Amino acid sequence: MSKMRRSIEMEKLTWSYRRISLADVPVMMDWYNNRELHETANAKAFHPYTIDELNKYWQKKINRTDAIYYAIISNDRMIGRVSLKGMDSTGEGIEYAIVIGDPSLYSRGLGTEITKSMLENVFSDPHLRYVQLDVRQDNKRAIRCYEKSGFRFLDSFLENGISMHRMRVVK
């Protein structure tokens, strides 16, 4: 008996990004206080935030001069965030991170699409040679996203007892 294949065409998600502001903190609070999301994307110990704690945390992040934080917007709502942080004084490398906060959007290729777009934008800087990131070894979905976007493994290490991979894409 042959198996039938059904392909379900998913609605194409349109998205944009803009700088994160403190007005975005209430949306991100749900993500920061989601233990499952935290344990997929983070090597730090989980602890729930109050709105005041998260506002203070993000005020410091927004004021950094060596980092830019973007809100990912779709259908007029914030669905995730991206960060780009300077890594060294030469300006040749930056650190990348992405979080899709809405679980209904997982495994749809959105992270890969956004990552490729961000790489295209940052690599337009003639001085930038590479983009690097750290990812939990058990976060297979994220690793697939990064590999499809051109990242390759550099090394593995432990952070707070969690096995991590360091990955890099070179211009």
C-alpha atoms as a PDB file:
ATOM      1  CA  MET A   1       0.000   0.000   0.000  1.00  0.00           C
ATOM      2  CA  SER A   2       1.460   3.343  -0.969  1.00  0.00           C
ATOM      3  CA  LYS A   3       1.463   6.170   1.468  1.00  0.00           C
ATOM      4  CA  MET A   4      -0.324   9.300   0.446  1.00  0.00           C
ATOM      5  CA  ARG A   5       1.453  12.552   0.942  1.00  0.00           C
ATOM      6  CA  ARG A   6      -0.466  15.625   1.837  1.00  0.00           C
ATOM      7  CA  SER A   7       1.150  18.966   1.624  1.00  0.00           C
ATOM      8  CA  ILE A   8      -0.452  21.704   3.568  1.00  0.00           C
ATOM      9  CA  GLU A   9       0.434  25.121   2.321  1.00  0.00           C
ATOM     10  CA  MET A  10       0.991  27.379   5.257  1.00  0.00           C
ATOM     11  CA  GLU A  11       0.057  30.996   5.073  1.00  0.00           C
ATOM     12  CA  LYS A  12       3.119  33.044   4.199  1.00  0.00           C
ATOM     13  CA  LEU A  13       4.030  35.086   7.220  1.00  0.00           C
ATOM     14  CA  THR A  14       5.151  38.627   6.550  1.00  0.00           C
ATOM     15  CA  TRP A  15       7.393  40.280   9.082  1.00  0.00           C
ATOM     16  CA  SER A  16       9.482  43.346   9.698  1.00  0.00           C
ATOM     17  CA  TYR A  17      11.754  44.528  12.438  1.00  0.00           C
ATOM     18  CA  ARG A  18      12.314  47.705  14.385  1.00  0.00           C
ATOM     19  CA  ARG A  19      14.378  48.752  17.397  1.00  0.00           C
ATOM     20  CA  ILE A  20      13.120  47.380  20.705  1.00  0.00           C
ATOM     21  CA  SER A  21      11.714  49.899  23.173  1.00  0.00           C
ATOM     22  CA  LEU A  22      10.547  49.638  26.765  1.00  0.00           C
ATOM     23  CA  ALA A  23       6.980  49.482  25.420  1.00  0.00           C
ATOM     24  CA  ASP A  24       7.859  45.930  24.240  1.00  0.00           C
ATOM     25  CA  VAL A  25       8.725  44.656  27.721  1.00  0.00           C
ATOM     26  CA  PRO A  26       5.189  43.421  28.612  1.00  0.00           C
ATOM     27  CA  VAL A  27       5.189  41.148  25.537  1.00  0.00           C
ATOM     28  CA  MET A  28       8.667  39.842  26.313  1.00  0.00           C
ATOM     29  CA  MET A  29       7.657  39.207  29.927  1.00  0.00           C
ATOM     30  CA  ASP A  30       5.594  36.208  28.808  1.00  0.00           C
ATOM     31  CA  TRP A  31       8.668  34.807  27.033  1.00  0.00           C
ATOM     32  CA  TYR A  32      11.055  35.408  29.917  1.00  0.00           C
ATOM     33  CA  ASN A  33       8.644  33.731  32.335  1.00  0.00           C
ATOM     34  CA  ASN A  34       8.052  30.707  30.079  1.00  0.00           C
ATOM     35  CA  ARG A  35      10.199  27.948  31.601  1.00  0.00           C
ATOM     36  CA  GLU A  36      10.033  25.729  28.495  1.00  0.00           C
ATOM     37  CA  LEU A  37      11.194  28.525  26.173  1.00  0.00           C
ATOM     38  CA  HIS A  38      13.902  29.512  28.649  1.00  0.00           C
ATOM     39  CA  GLU A  39      15.232  25.967  28.937  1.00  0.00           C
ATOM     40  CA  THR A  40      15.358  25.665  25.151  1.00  0.00           C
ATOM     41  CA  ALA A  41      17.148  28.926  24.482  1.00  0.00           C
ATOM     42  CA  ASN A  42      19.157  29.789  27.581  1.00  0.00           C
ATOM     43  CA  ALA A  43      21.970  28.351  29.684  1.00  0.00           C
ATOM     44  CA  LYS A  44      21.257  30.566  32.681  1.00  0.00           C
ATOM     45  CA  ALA A  45      19.170  29.340  35.601  1.00  0.00           C
ATOM     46  CA  PHE A  46      15.458  30.070  35.198  1.00  0.00           C
ATOM     47  CA  HIS A  47      13.872  32.635  37.461  1.00  0.00           C
ATOM     48  CA  PRO A  48      10.592  34.464  36.802  1.00  0.00           C
ATOM     49  CA  TYR A  49      10.786  38.233  36.349  1.00  0.00           C
ATOM     50  CA  THR A  50       8.521  40.948  37.663  1.00  0.00           C
ATOM     51  CA  ILE A  51       7.634  43.719  35.229  1.00  0.00           C
ATOM     52  CA  ASP A  52       9.879  46.139  37.167  1.00  0.00           C
ATOM     53  CA  GLU A  53      12.864  43.764  37.020  1.00  0.00           C
ATOM     54  CA  LEU A  54      12.424  43.223  33.292  1.00  0.00           C
ATOM     55  CA  ASN A  55      12.036  46.962  32.640  1.00  0.00           C
ATOM     56  CA  LYS A  56      15.325  47.646  34.467  1.00  0.00           C
ATOM     57  CA  TYR A  57      17.044  44.780  32.634  1.00  0.00           C
ATOM     58  CA  TRP A  58      15.900  46.052  29.222  1.00  0.00           C
ATOM     59  CA  GLN A  59      16.672  49.681  30.046  1.00  0.00           C
ATOM     60  CA  LYS A  60      20.323  48.637  30.485  1.00  0.00           C
ATOM     61  CA  LYS A  61      20.276  46.597  27.265  1.00  0.00           C
ATOM     62  CA  ILE A  62      18.692  49.377  25.203  1.00  0.00           C
ATOM     63  CA  ASN A  63      21.300  51.853  26.479  1.00  0.00           C
ATOM     64  CA  ARG A  64      24.261  49.696  25.439  1.00  0.00           C
ATOM     65  CA  THR A  65      26.449  51.299  22.801  1.00  0.00           C
ATOM     66  CA  ASP A  66      27.877  47.984  21.578  1.00  0.00           C
ATOM     67  CA  ALA A  67      24.565  46.238  20.841  1.00  0.00           C
ATOM     68  CA  ILE A  68      21.340  46.653  18.871  1.00  0.00           C
ATOM     69  CA  TYR A  69      18.099  44.875  19.757  1.00  0.00           C
ATOM     70  CA  TYR A  70      15.276  44.457  17.256  1.00  0.00           C
ATOM     71  CA  ALA A  71      11.648  43.489  17.746  1.00  0.00           C
ATOM     72  CA  ILE A  72      10.312  41.116  15.075  1.00  0.00           C
ATOM     73  CA  ILE A  73       6.824  42.267  14.089  1.00  0.00           C
ATOM     74  CA  SER A  74       4.121  40.319  12.231  1.00  0.00           C
ATOM     75  CA  ASN A  75       0.479  41.345  11.880  1.00  0.00           C
ATOM     76  CA  ASP A  76       1.134  44.358  14.114  1.00  0.00           C
ATOM     77  CA  ARG A  77       2.374  42.265  17.034  1.00  0.00           C
ATOM     78  CA  MET A  78       5.798  41.434  18.391  1.00  0.00           C
ATOM     79  CA  ILE A  79       6.565  37.747  17.783  1.00  0.00           C
ATOM     80  CA  GLY A  80      10.272  37.656  18.614  1.00  0.00           C
ATOM     81  CA  ARG A  81      13.507  39.542  18.927  1.00  0.00           C
ATOM     82  CA  VAL A  82      17.002  39.670  17.447  1.00  0.00           C
ATOM     83  CA  SER A  83      20.191  40.959  19.021  1.00  0.00           C
ATOM     84  CA  LEU A  84      23.459  42.001  17.412  1.00  0.00           C
ATOM     85  CA  LYS A  85      26.334  42.625  19.819  1.00  0.00           C
ATOM     86  CA  GLY A  86      29.882  43.762  19.164  1.00  0.00           C
ATOM     87  CA  MET A  87      32.419  41.052  19.992  1.00  0.00           C
ATOM     88  CA  ASP A  88      35.809  42.632  19.612  1.00  0.00           C
ATOM     89  CA  SER A  89      37.493  46.006  19.272  1.00  0.00           C
ATOM     90  CA  THR A  90      38.424  45.347  15.632  1.00  0.00           C
ATOM     91  CA  GLY A  91      34.789  45.445  14.511  1.00  0.00           C
ATOM     92  CA  GLU A  92      35.322  42.298  12.440  1.00  0.00           C
ATOM     93  CA  GLY A  93      32.824  40.115  14.297  1.00  0.00           C
ATOM     94  CA  ILE A  94      29.449  40.364  15.982  1.00  0.00           C
ATOM     95  CA  GLU A  95      27.350  38.045  18.114  1.00  0.00           C
ATOM     96  CA  TYR A  96      23.857  37.122  16.887  1.00  0.00           C
ATOM     97  CA  ALA A  97      20.840  35.842  18.795  1.00  0.00           C
ATOM     98  CA  ILE A  98      17.210  35.305  17.839  1.00  0.00           C
ATOM     99  CA  VAL A  99      14.175  34.296  19.874  1.00  0.00           C
ATOM    100  CA  ILE A 100      10.783  33.509  18.391  1.00  0.00           C
ATOM    101  CA  GLY A 101       8.503  33.926  21.385  1.00  0.00           C
ATOM    102  CA  ASP A 102       5.302  32.549  19.857  1.00  0.00           C
ATOM    103  CA  PRO A 103       5.365  28.706  19.889  1.00  0.00           C
ATOM    104  CA  SER A 104       2.717  28.535  17.134  1.00  0.00           C
ATOM    105  CA  LEU A 105       5.373  29.917  14.771  1.00  0.00           C
ATOM    106  CA  TYR A 106       8.018  27.269  15.477  1.00  0.00           C
ATOM    107  CA  SER A 107       9.207  24.918  12.712  1.00  0.00           C
ATOM    108  CA  ARG A 108       7.842  27.096   9.911  1.00  0.00           C
ATOM    109  CA  GLY A 109      11.173  28.393   8.604  1.00  0.00           C
ATOM    110  CA  LEU A 110      10.620  31.836  10.061  1.00  0.00           C
ATOM    111  CA  GLY A 111      13.811  31.830  12.150  1.00  0.00           C
ATOM    112  CA  THR A 112      15.841  30.803   9.105  1.00  0.00           C
ATOM    113  CA  GLU A 113      14.247  33.485   6.927  1.00  0.00           C
ATOM    114  CA  ILE A 114      14.872  36.210   9.507  1.00  0.00           C
ATOM    115  CA  THR A 115      18.426  35.022  10.195  1.00  0.00           C
ATOM    116  CA  LYS A 116      19.310  35.016   6.484  1.00  0.00           C
ATOM    117  CA  SER A 117      17.867  38.518   6.109  1.00  0.00           C
ATOM    118  CA  MET A 118      19.801  39.820   9.112  1.00  0.00           C
ATOM    119  CA  LEU A 119      23.033  38.259   7.816  1.00  0.00           C
ATOM    120  CA  GLU A 120      22.524  39.884   4.431  1.00  0.00           C
ATOM    121  CA  ASN A 121      22.079  43.252   6.138  1.00  0.00           C
ATOM    122  CA  VAL A 122      25.007  43.008   8.551  1.00  0.00           C
ATOM    123  CA  PHE A 123      27.385  41.647   5.917  1.00  0.00           C
ATOM    124  CA  SER A 124      26.796  44.807   3.875  1.00  0.00           C
ATOM    125  CA  ASP A 125      29.256  46.378   6.347  1.00  0.00           C
ATOM    126  CA  PRO A 126      32.628  46.068   4.563  1.00  0.00           C
ATOM    127  CA  HIS A 127      34.535  45.698   7.856  1.00  0.00           C
ATOM    128  CA  LEU A 128      32.478  42.811   9.219  1.00  0.00           C
ATOM    129  CA  ARG A 129      34.056  39.400   8.543  1.00  0.00           C
ATOM    130  CA  TYR A 130      31.985  37.008  10.659  1.00  0.00           C
ATOM    131  CA  VAL A 131      28.878  36.518  12.784  1.00  0.00           C
ATOM    132  CA  GLN A 132      29.018  34.148  15.723  1.00  0.00           C
ATOM    133  CA  LEU A 133      26.505  32.656  18.159  1.00  0.00           C
ATOM    134  CA  ASP A 134      26.189  30.198  21.015  1.00  0.00           C
ATOM    135  CA  VAL A 135      23.354  27.658  21.034  1.00  0.00           C
ATOM    136  CA  ARG A 136      22.328  24.907  23.406  1.00  0.00           C
ATOM    137  CA  GLN A 137      23.451  21.538  22.073  1.00  0.00           C
ATOM    138  CA  ASP A 138      19.960  20.110  22.696  1.00  0.00           C
ATOM    139  CA  ASN A 139      18.204  22.870  20.713  1.00  0.00           C
ATOM    140  CA  LYS A 140      18.070  20.911  17.453  1.00  0.00           C
ATOM    141  CA  ARG A 141      15.492  23.212  15.843  1.00  0.00           C
ATOM    142  CA  ALA A 142      17.739  26.269  16.320  1.00  0.00           C
ATOM    143  CA  ILE A 143      20.834  24.394  15.134  1.00  0.00           C
ATOM    144  CA  ARG A 144      19.016  23.429  11.902  1.00  0.00           C
ATOM    145  CA  CYS A 145      18.005  27.065  11.422  1.00  0.00           C
ATOM    146  CA  TYR A 146      21.586  28.253  11.841  1.00  0.00           C
ATOM    147  CA  GLU A 147      23.044  25.574   9.568  1.00  0.00           C
ATOM    148  CA  LYS A 148      20.534  26.471   6.822  1.00  0.00           C
ATOM    149  CA  SER A 149      21.630  30.091   7.240  1.00  0.00           C
ATOM    150  CA  GLY A 150      25.299  29.219   6.676  1.00  0.00           C
ATOM    151  CA  PHE A 151      26.626  28.857  10.241  1.00  0.00           C
ATOM    152  CA  ARG A 152      29.173  26.102  10.929  1.00  0.00           C
ATOM    153  CA  PHE A 153      30.350  24.562  14.201  1.00  0.00           C
ATOM    154  CA  LEU A 154      33.452  26.066  15.821  1.00  0.00           C
ATOM    155  CA  ASP A 155      33.565  24.246  19.140  1.00  0.00           C
ATOM    156  CA  SER A 156      31.574  22.974  22.100  1.00  0.00           C
ATOM    157  CA  PHE A 157      31.756  24.026  25.734  1.00  0.00           C
ATOM    158  CA  LEU A 158      29.869  23.966  29.018  1.00  0.00           C
ATOM    159  CA  GLU A 159      28.049  27.037  30.311  1.00  0.00           C
ATOM    160  CA  ASN A 160      26.443  26.689  33.737  1.00  0.00           C
ATOM    161  CA  GLY A 161      26.569  22.917  33.276  1.00  0.00           C
ATOM    162  CA  ILE A 162      24.727  23.110  29.918  1.00  0.00           C
ATOM    163  CA  SER A 163      26.373  21.718  26.751  1.00  0.00           C
ATOM    164  CA  MET A 164      26.679  24.509  24.202  1.00  0.00           C
ATOM    165  CA  HIS A 165      27.878  24.839  20.608  1.00  0.00           C
ATOM    166  CA  ARG A 166      29.618  27.893  19.222  1.00  0.00           C
ATOM    167  CA  MET A 167      28.793  28.473  15.557  1.00  0.00           C
ATOM    168  CA  ARG A 168      30.078  30.993  13.021  1.00  0.00           C
ATOM    169  CA  VAL A 169      29.342  32.173   9.512  1.00  0.00           C
ATOM    170  CA  VAL A 170      32.106  33.955   7.609  1.00  0.00           C
ATOM    171  CA  LYS A 171      31.532  36.512   4.855  1.00  0.00           C
END
